[in-house]
């Protein structure tokens, strides 16, 4: 096979081979990873389902993609009751698989550096 590839000068997202070659997740899950990874910092504080809607990914295809991302360590969620009594789901989205313990450590570090949270793919999803 011959290959000719021209890298775009702007407006592109670099995909790791870990994601591209991960046979455990389907193409919808991979597209969701790339989409979220390529968002500007100001657009990442949204629930994953809301971001998926921007791709017209809804219903069963979204459910399957999210299930695979959670199952294989790309998405981590923590549910809890807030001080006002409402329930909330915190989501951590990564472009590399993390164990539950690794994800918790990342979340704790990001939470501690609260000023940095506005620029991370972390959301308070409902």
Protein backbone atom coordinates (compact mmCIF):
# COMPACT_ATOMS: atom_id res chain seq x y z
CA UNK A 1 0.00 0.00 0.00
CA UNK A 2 1.18 3.48 -0.81
CA UNK A 3 0.09 6.33 1.37
CA UNK A 4 -0.07 10.09 0.78
CA UNK A 5 -1.12 12.17 3.79
CA UNK A 6 -1.09 15.94 4.14
CA UNK A 7 -1.44 17.18 7.71
CA UNK A 8 -3.87 20.08 8.02
CA UNK A 9 -2.35 23.31 9.27
CA UNK A 10 -5.22 23.96 11.71
CA UNK A 11 -8.55 22.61 12.93
CA UNK A 12 -7.48 19.04 13.56
CA UNK A 13 -7.40 16.60 16.46
CA UNK A 14 -4.57 14.19 17.05
CA UNK A 15 -5.81 10.67 17.77
CA UNK A 16 -3.72 8.24 19.76
CA UNK A 17 -3.15 4.80 18.32
CA UNK A 18 -4.53 3.42 21.59
CA UNK A 19 -7.94 4.84 20.69
CA UNK A 20 -7.83 4.17 16.95
CA UNK A 21 -6.77 0.54 17.37
CA UNK A 22 -8.89 -0.30 20.41
CA UNK A 23 -11.05 -3.17 19.09
CA UNK A 24 -13.14 -3.19 22.27
CA UNK A 25 -14.95 0.05 21.39
CA UNK A 26 -17.04 0.71 18.31
CA UNK A 27 -16.65 3.55 15.82
CA UNK A 28 -19.31 5.69 17.55
CA UNK A 29 -17.32 5.53 20.78
CA UNK A 30 -14.13 6.47 18.91
CA UNK A 31 -15.84 9.39 17.19
CA UNK A 32 -17.16 10.58 20.55
CA UNK A 33 -13.65 10.45 22.02
CA UNK A 34 -12.24 12.44 19.11
CA UNK A 35 -15.10 14.94 19.18
CA UNK A 36 -14.78 15.66 22.90
CA UNK A 37 -10.98 15.71 22.72
CA UNK A 38 -11.11 18.32 19.95
CA UNK A 39 -13.49 20.70 21.71
CA UNK A 40 -12.22 24.05 22.92
CA UNK A 41 -11.85 24.30 26.69
CA UNK A 42 -14.89 26.55 26.93
CA UNK A 43 -17.17 23.84 25.47
CA UNK A 44 -16.25 20.84 27.61
CA UNK A 45 -18.27 21.52 30.76
CA UNK A 46 -21.30 19.63 29.45
CA UNK A 47 -22.64 16.14 30.11
CA UNK A 48 -21.42 13.53 27.62
CA UNK A 49 -24.96 12.91 26.37
CA UNK A 50 -25.36 16.57 25.49
CA UNK A 51 -22.08 16.56 23.57
CA UNK A 52 -23.14 13.40 21.73
CA UNK A 53 -26.31 15.15 20.57
CA UNK A 54 -24.11 17.64 18.70
CA UNK A 55 -23.03 14.64 16.60
CA UNK A 56 -26.66 13.49 16.17
CA UNK A 57 -25.69 10.48 18.28
CA UNK A 58 -28.68 9.57 20.39
CA UNK A 59 -30.71 6.61 21.51
CA UNK A 60 -29.22 3.15 21.24
CA UNK A 61 -26.02 4.14 19.38
CA UNK A 62 -25.16 6.63 22.14
CA UNK A 63 -26.05 4.17 24.90
CA UNK A 64 -23.78 1.50 23.37
CA UNK A 65 -20.91 3.95 22.86
CA UNK A 66 -21.14 5.30 26.40
CA UNK A 67 -21.38 1.79 27.85
CA UNK A 68 -18.18 0.80 26.04
CA UNK A 69 -16.39 3.99 27.10
CA UNK A 70 -17.34 3.41 30.74
CA UNK A 71 -16.56 -0.31 30.60
CA UNK A 72 -13.09 0.24 29.17
CA UNK A 73 -12.02 3.19 31.32
CA UNK A 74 -12.48 6.23 29.07
CA UNK A 75 -15.44 7.62 31.04
CA UNK A 76 -15.86 7.56 34.81
CA UNK A 77 -18.93 8.72 36.72
CA UNK A 78 -19.66 9.42 40.34
CA UNK A 79 -23.22 10.00 41.56
CA UNK A 80 -23.99 11.83 44.75
CA UNK A 81 -26.40 14.09 46.53
CA UNK A 82 -25.51 17.78 46.60
CA UNK A 83 -25.97 20.08 49.58
CA UNK A 84 -29.28 21.33 48.15
CA UNK A 85 -30.64 17.77 48.15
CA UNK A 86 -30.55 17.28 44.36
CA UNK A 87 -28.64 14.37 42.88
CA UNK A 88 -25.79 15.02 40.46
CA UNK A 89 -23.47 12.92 38.31
CA UNK A 90 -19.87 14.02 37.95
CA UNK A 91 -18.18 12.77 34.79
CA UNK A 92 -14.50 12.45 33.95
CA UNK A 93 -13.72 11.88 30.29
CA UNK A 94 -10.23 10.76 29.24
CA UNK A 95 -8.61 9.89 25.93
CA UNK A 96 -6.68 7.08 27.54
CA UNK A 97 -8.13 4.22 29.60
CA UNK A 98 -7.84 4.72 33.36
CA UNK A 99 -8.63 2.39 36.22
CA UNK A 100 -11.23 3.53 38.75
CA UNK A 101 -8.45 4.41 41.22
CA UNK A 102 -6.47 6.37 38.61
CA UNK A 103 -9.61 8.25 37.57
CA UNK A 104 -10.41 9.12 41.19
CA UNK A 105 -6.87 10.44 41.67
CA UNK A 106 -7.19 12.61 38.54
CA UNK A 107 -10.61 13.85 39.66
CA UNK A 108 -9.29 14.69 43.13
CA UNK A 109 -6.35 16.60 41.65
CA UNK A 110 -8.61 18.53 39.26
CA UNK A 111 -11.07 19.28 42.03
CA UNK A 112 -8.25 20.54 44.25
CA UNK A 113 -7.07 22.81 41.44
CA UNK A 114 -10.60 24.19 41.07
CA UNK A 115 -9.39 27.06 38.92
CA UNK A 116 -8.29 24.55 36.29
CA UNK A 117 -11.68 22.80 36.16
CA UNK A 118 -13.15 25.35 33.76
CA UNK A 119 -10.73 24.13 31.11
CA UNK A 120 -11.12 20.38 31.55
CA UNK A 121 -13.44 17.81 30.05
CA UNK A 122 -15.19 17.41 33.37
CA UNK A 123 -18.86 18.05 33.77
CA UNK A 124 -21.63 18.02 36.30
CA UNK A 125 -24.05 15.98 34.19
CA UNK A 126 -27.68 15.35 34.96
